[in-house]
């Protein structure tokens, strides 16, 4: 089960990233070109938040099943804590949780905006900040804290 969750979490990473980048792109175009906030824009906002929430649920189950995290929280893990253990046990989940909260707030605020430009600006701002945090928290193959392949 752990390996299946790890694979799903790895695949959903790309879905969330593509969805966020596309949402930010559409919001930027909509705001700068003063476009109408269409049903398509609303659907993209909604599906981006939904994909992020699915990724969060997979990540939470993975967190509690992870042997790395279990070792970190054991008495022996506190003595032998490395950058990688600390990253996967504290930094990654904290930053990702904050990112999902930002996406959720941005989505909810944009949905309630009465003006189209305000909706686009809201999505652009909240989703961009979340994307930056996500980029920091992903264990990229080149990351100095913890590195993993692009797909596991």
C-alpha atoms as a PDB file:
ATOM      1  CA  UNK A   1       0.000   0.000   0.000  1.00  0.00           C
ATOM      2  CA  UNK A   2       2.837   2.387   0.856  1.00  0.00           C
ATOM      3  CA  UNK A   3       4.420   2.093  -2.600  1.00  0.00           C
ATOM      4  CA  UNK A   4       1.064   2.682  -4.315  1.00  0.00           C
ATOM      5  CA  UNK A   5       0.469   5.801  -2.212  1.00  0.00           C
ATOM      6  CA  UNK A   6       3.986   7.015  -2.960  1.00  0.00           C
ATOM      7  CA  UNK A   7       3.402   6.565  -6.701  1.00  0.00           C
ATOM      8  CA  UNK A   8       0.017   8.329  -6.562  1.00  0.00           C
ATOM      9  CA  UNK A   9       1.503  11.176  -4.547  1.00  0.00           C
ATOM     10  CA  UNK A  10       4.285  11.516  -7.110  1.00  0.00           C
ATOM     11  CA  UNK A  11       1.878  11.538 -10.073  1.00  0.00           C
ATOM     12  CA  UNK A  12      -0.570  13.946  -8.428  1.00  0.00           C
ATOM     13  CA  UNK A  13       2.332  16.341  -7.814  1.00  0.00           C
ATOM     14  CA  UNK A  14       2.481  16.952 -11.546  1.00  0.00           C
ATOM     15  CA  UNK A  15      -1.286  17.317 -11.892  1.00  0.00           C
ATOM     16  CA  UNK A  16      -1.342  19.906  -9.110  1.00  0.00           C
ATOM     17  CA  UNK A  17       1.624  21.809 -10.559  1.00  0.00           C
ATOM     18  CA  UNK A  18       0.215  21.884 -14.089  1.00  0.00           C
ATOM     19  CA  UNK A  19      -3.197  22.898 -12.800  1.00  0.00           C
ATOM     20  CA  UNK A  20      -1.765  25.670 -10.618  1.00  0.00           C
ATOM     21  CA  UNK A  21       0.435  27.051 -13.390  1.00  0.00           C
ATOM     22  CA  UNK A  22      -2.493  27.000 -15.828  1.00  0.00           C
ATOM     23  CA  UNK A  23      -4.790  28.698 -13.284  1.00  0.00           C
ATOM     24  CA  UNK A  24      -2.208  31.391 -12.640  1.00  0.00           C
ATOM     25  CA  UNK A  25      -1.699  31.886 -16.381  1.00  0.00           C
ATOM     26  CA  UNK A  26      -5.456  32.207 -17.016  1.00  0.00           C
ATOM     27  CA  UNK A  27      -5.838  34.582 -14.068  1.00  0.00           C
ATOM     28  CA  UNK A  28      -2.954  36.732 -15.307  1.00  0.00           C
ATOM     29  CA  UNK A  29      -4.427  36.925 -18.816  1.00  0.00           C
ATOM     30  CA  UNK A  30      -7.909  37.588 -17.482  1.00  0.00           C
ATOM     31  CA  UNK A  31      -6.701  40.368 -15.224  1.00  0.00           C
ATOM     32  CA  UNK A  32      -4.353  42.083 -17.679  1.00  0.00           C
ATOM     33  CA  UNK A  33      -6.650  41.781 -20.696  1.00  0.00           C
ATOM     34  CA  UNK A  34      -9.738  42.617 -18.622  1.00  0.00           C
ATOM     35  CA  UNK A  35     -11.578  39.482 -19.716  1.00  0.00           C
ATOM     36  CA  UNK A  36     -14.869  38.221 -18.306  1.00  0.00           C
ATOM     37  CA  UNK A  37     -14.603  35.547 -15.615  1.00  0.00           C
ATOM     38  CA  UNK A  38     -16.173  32.643 -17.495  1.00  0.00           C
ATOM     39  CA  UNK A  39     -17.572  29.284 -16.443  1.00  0.00           C
ATOM     40  CA  UNK A  40     -14.324  27.774 -17.734  1.00  0.00           C
ATOM     41  CA  UNK A  41     -12.291  30.018 -15.436  1.00  0.00           C
ATOM     42  CA  UNK A  42     -14.501  29.027 -12.533  1.00  0.00           C
ATOM     43  CA  UNK A  43     -14.129  25.326 -13.378  1.00  0.00           C
ATOM     44  CA  UNK A  44     -10.339  25.660 -13.562  1.00  0.00           C
ATOM     45  CA  UNK A  45     -10.342  27.414 -10.175  1.00  0.00           C
ATOM     46  CA  UNK A  46     -12.472  24.647  -8.723  1.00  0.00           C
ATOM     47  CA  UNK A  47     -10.501  21.728 -10.204  1.00  0.00           C
ATOM     48  CA  UNK A  48      -7.173  23.209  -9.159  1.00  0.00           C
ATOM     49  CA  UNK A  49      -8.360  23.365  -5.558  1.00  0.00           C
ATOM     50  CA  UNK A  50      -9.870  19.872  -5.819  1.00  0.00           C
ATOM     51  CA  UNK A  51      -6.650  18.351  -7.160  1.00  0.00           C
ATOM     52  CA  UNK A  52      -4.708  20.070  -4.384  1.00  0.00           C
ATOM     53  CA  UNK A  53      -7.071  18.630  -1.772  1.00  0.00           C
ATOM     54  CA  UNK A  54      -6.779  15.122  -3.223  1.00  0.00           C
ATOM     55  CA  UNK A  55      -2.999  15.482  -3.098  1.00  0.00           C
ATOM     56  CA  UNK A  56      -3.254  16.598   0.516  1.00  0.00           C
ATOM     57  CA  UNK A  57      -5.320  13.545   1.458  1.00  0.00           C
ATOM     58  CA  UNK A  58      -2.872  11.173  -0.246  1.00  0.00           C
ATOM     59  CA  UNK A  59      -0.011  13.012   1.434  1.00  0.00           C
ATOM     60  CA  UNK A  60      -1.579  12.789   4.884  1.00  0.00           C
ATOM     61  CA  UNK A  61      -2.097   9.038   4.610  1.00  0.00           C
ATOM     62  CA  UNK A  62       1.436   8.680   3.267  1.00  0.00           C
ATOM     63  CA  UNK A  63       2.785  10.777   6.145  1.00  0.00           C
ATOM     64  CA  UNK A  64       1.350   8.458   8.783  1.00  0.00           C
ATOM     65  CA  UNK A  65       2.429   5.314   6.883  1.00  0.00           C
ATOM     66  CA  UNK A  66       5.955   6.534   6.093  1.00  0.00           C
ATOM     67  CA  UNK A  67       8.800   4.620   7.733  1.00  0.00           C
ATOM     68  CA  UNK A  68      10.926   7.792   7.577  1.00  0.00           C
ATOM     69  CA  UNK A  69       8.402   9.783   9.563  1.00  0.00           C
ATOM     70  CA  UNK A  70       7.812   6.967  12.033  1.00  0.00           C
ATOM     71  CA  UNK A  71      11.560   6.760  12.611  1.00  0.00           C
ATOM     72  CA  UNK A  72      11.814  10.543  13.047  1.00  0.00           C
ATOM     73  CA  UNK A  73       9.161  10.568  15.778  1.00  0.00           C
ATOM     74  CA  UNK A  74      10.702   7.595  17.597  1.00  0.00           C
ATOM     75  CA  UNK A  75      13.222   8.204  20.401  1.00  0.00           C
ATOM     76  CA  UNK A  76      16.032   6.910  18.183  1.00  0.00           C
ATOM     77  CA  UNK A  77      15.004   9.234  15.369  1.00  0.00           C
ATOM     78  CA  UNK A  78      15.387  12.319  17.505  1.00  0.00           C
ATOM     79  CA  UNK A  79      18.991  11.337  18.170  1.00  0.00           C
ATOM     80  CA  UNK A  80      19.835  10.492  14.556  1.00  0.00           C
ATOM     81  CA  UNK A  81      17.773  13.200  12.830  1.00  0.00           C
ATOM     82  CA  UNK A  82      19.220  14.176   9.467  1.00  0.00           C
ATOM     83  CA  UNK A  83      18.275  16.892   7.004  1.00  0.00           C
ATOM     84  CA  UNK A  84      16.234  14.366   5.051  1.00  0.00           C
ATOM     85  CA  UNK A  85      14.331  13.127   8.109  1.00  0.00           C
ATOM     86  CA  UNK A  86      13.612  16.675   9.217  1.00  0.00           C
ATOM     87  CA  UNK A  87      12.522  17.665   5.713  1.00  0.00           C
ATOM     88  CA  UNK A  88      10.003  14.840   5.284  1.00  0.00           C
ATOM     89  CA  UNK A  89       8.773  14.925   8.880  1.00  0.00           C
ATOM     90  CA  UNK A  90       8.409  18.675   9.417  1.00  0.00           C
ATOM     91  CA  UNK A  91       9.284  21.023   6.558  1.00  0.00           C
ATOM     92  CA  UNK A  92       7.528  19.291   3.649  1.00  0.00           C
ATOM     93  CA  UNK A  93       4.208  18.644   5.418  1.00  0.00           C
ATOM     94  CA  UNK A  94       4.102  22.101   7.034  1.00  0.00           C
ATOM     95  CA  UNK A  95       4.778  24.016   3.823  1.00  0.00           C
ATOM     96  CA  UNK A  96       2.411  21.851   1.813  1.00  0.00           C
ATOM     97  CA  UNK A  97      -0.366  22.279   4.365  1.00  0.00           C
ATOM     98  CA  UNK A  98       0.103  26.050   4.288  1.00  0.00           C
ATOM     99  CA  UNK A  99       0.049  25.935   0.475  1.00  0.00           C
ATOM    100  CA  UNK A 100      -3.221  23.997   0.405  1.00  0.00           C
ATOM    101  CA  UNK A 101      -4.718  26.447   2.891  1.00  0.00           C
ATOM    102  CA  UNK A 102      -3.675  29.343   0.628  1.00  0.00           C
ATOM    103  CA  UNK A 103      -5.192  27.623  -2.416  1.00  0.00           C
ATOM    104  CA  UNK A 104      -8.408  26.980  -0.488  1.00  0.00           C
ATOM    105  CA  UNK A 105      -8.670  30.576   0.715  1.00  0.00           C
ATOM    106  CA  UNK A 106      -7.862  31.935  -2.758  1.00  0.00           C
ATOM    107  CA  UNK A 107     -10.450  29.684  -4.368  1.00  0.00           C
ATOM    108  CA  UNK A 108     -13.144  30.593  -1.846  1.00  0.00           C
ATOM    109  CA  UNK A 109     -12.418  34.324  -2.078  1.00  0.00           C
ATOM    110  CA  UNK A 110     -12.381  34.271  -5.891  1.00  0.00           C
ATOM    111  CA  UNK A 111     -15.694  32.430  -6.005  1.00  0.00           C
ATOM    112  CA  UNK A 112     -17.330  35.167  -3.961  1.00  0.00           C
ATOM    113  CA  UNK A 113     -15.939  38.127  -5.906  1.00  0.00           C
ATOM    114  CA  UNK A 114     -18.558  40.227  -7.635  1.00  0.00           C
ATOM    115  CA  UNK A 115     -16.211  41.781 -10.189  1.00  0.00           C
ATOM    116  CA  UNK A 116     -14.359  39.707 -12.768  1.00  0.00           C
ATOM    117  CA  UNK A 117     -11.054  41.542 -12.366  1.00  0.00           C
ATOM    118  CA  UNK A 118     -11.145  41.027  -8.605  1.00  0.00           C
ATOM    119  CA  UNK A 119     -11.698  37.285  -9.093  1.00  0.00           C
ATOM    120  CA  UNK A 120      -8.746  37.013 -11.472  1.00  0.00           C
ATOM    121  CA  UNK A 121      -6.503  39.059  -9.177  1.00  0.00           C
ATOM    122  CA  UNK A 122      -7.490  36.939  -6.180  1.00  0.00           C
ATOM    123  CA  UNK A 123      -6.706  33.673  -7.955  1.00  0.00           C
ATOM    124  CA  UNK A 124      -3.445  35.037  -9.320  1.00  0.00           C
ATOM    125  CA  UNK A 125      -2.198  36.278  -5.952  1.00  0.00           C
ATOM    126  CA  UNK A 126      -3.194  33.389  -3.691  1.00  0.00           C
ATOM    127  CA  UNK A 127      -2.312  30.628  -6.149  1.00  0.00           C
ATOM    128  CA  UNK A 128       1.068  32.198  -6.993  1.00  0.00           C
ATOM    129  CA  UNK A 129       2.116  32.377  -3.344  1.00  0.00           C
ATOM    130  CA  UNK A 130       0.993  28.762  -2.881  1.00  0.00           C
ATOM    131  CA  UNK A 131       2.947  27.700  -5.970  1.00  0.00           C
ATOM    132  CA  UNK A 132       6.130  29.323  -4.679  1.00  0.00           C
ATOM    133  CA  UNK A 133       5.785  27.496  -1.355  1.00  0.00           C
ATOM    134  CA  UNK A 134       5.105  24.228  -3.171  1.00  0.00           C
ATOM    135  CA  UNK A 135       8.227  24.673  -5.294  1.00  0.00           C
ATOM    136  CA  UNK A 136      10.257  25.157  -2.118  1.00  0.00           C
ATOM    137  CA  UNK A 137       8.726  22.103  -0.419  1.00  0.00           C
ATOM    138  CA  UNK A 138       9.008  19.570  -3.255  1.00  0.00           C
ATOM    139  CA  UNK A 139      11.935  17.151  -2.861  1.00  0.00           C
ATOM    140  CA  UNK A 140      13.403  17.870  -6.299  1.00  0.00           C
ATOM    141  CA  UNK A 141      16.295  15.709  -7.537  1.00  0.00           C
ATOM    142  CA  UNK A 142      18.587  18.749  -7.121  1.00  0.00           C
ATOM    143  CA  UNK A 143      17.342  19.787  -3.658  1.00  0.00           C
ATOM    144  CA  UNK A 144      19.997  20.097  -0.940  1.00  0.00           C
ATOM    145  CA  UNK A 145      17.549  19.108   1.832  1.00  0.00           C
ATOM    146  CA  UNK A 146      16.076  15.914   0.412  1.00  0.00           C
ATOM    147  CA  UNK A 147      16.100  14.710  -3.146  1.00  0.00           C
ATOM    148  CA  UNK A 148      13.885  12.255  -4.920  1.00  0.00           C
ATOM    149  CA  UNK A 149      13.390  11.372  -8.593  1.00  0.00           C
ATOM    150  CA  UNK A 150      10.779  13.240 -10.616  1.00  0.00           C
ATOM    151  CA  UNK A 151       8.492  10.180 -10.554  1.00  0.00           C
ATOM    152  CA  UNK A 152       8.769   7.350  -8.025  1.00  0.00           C
END
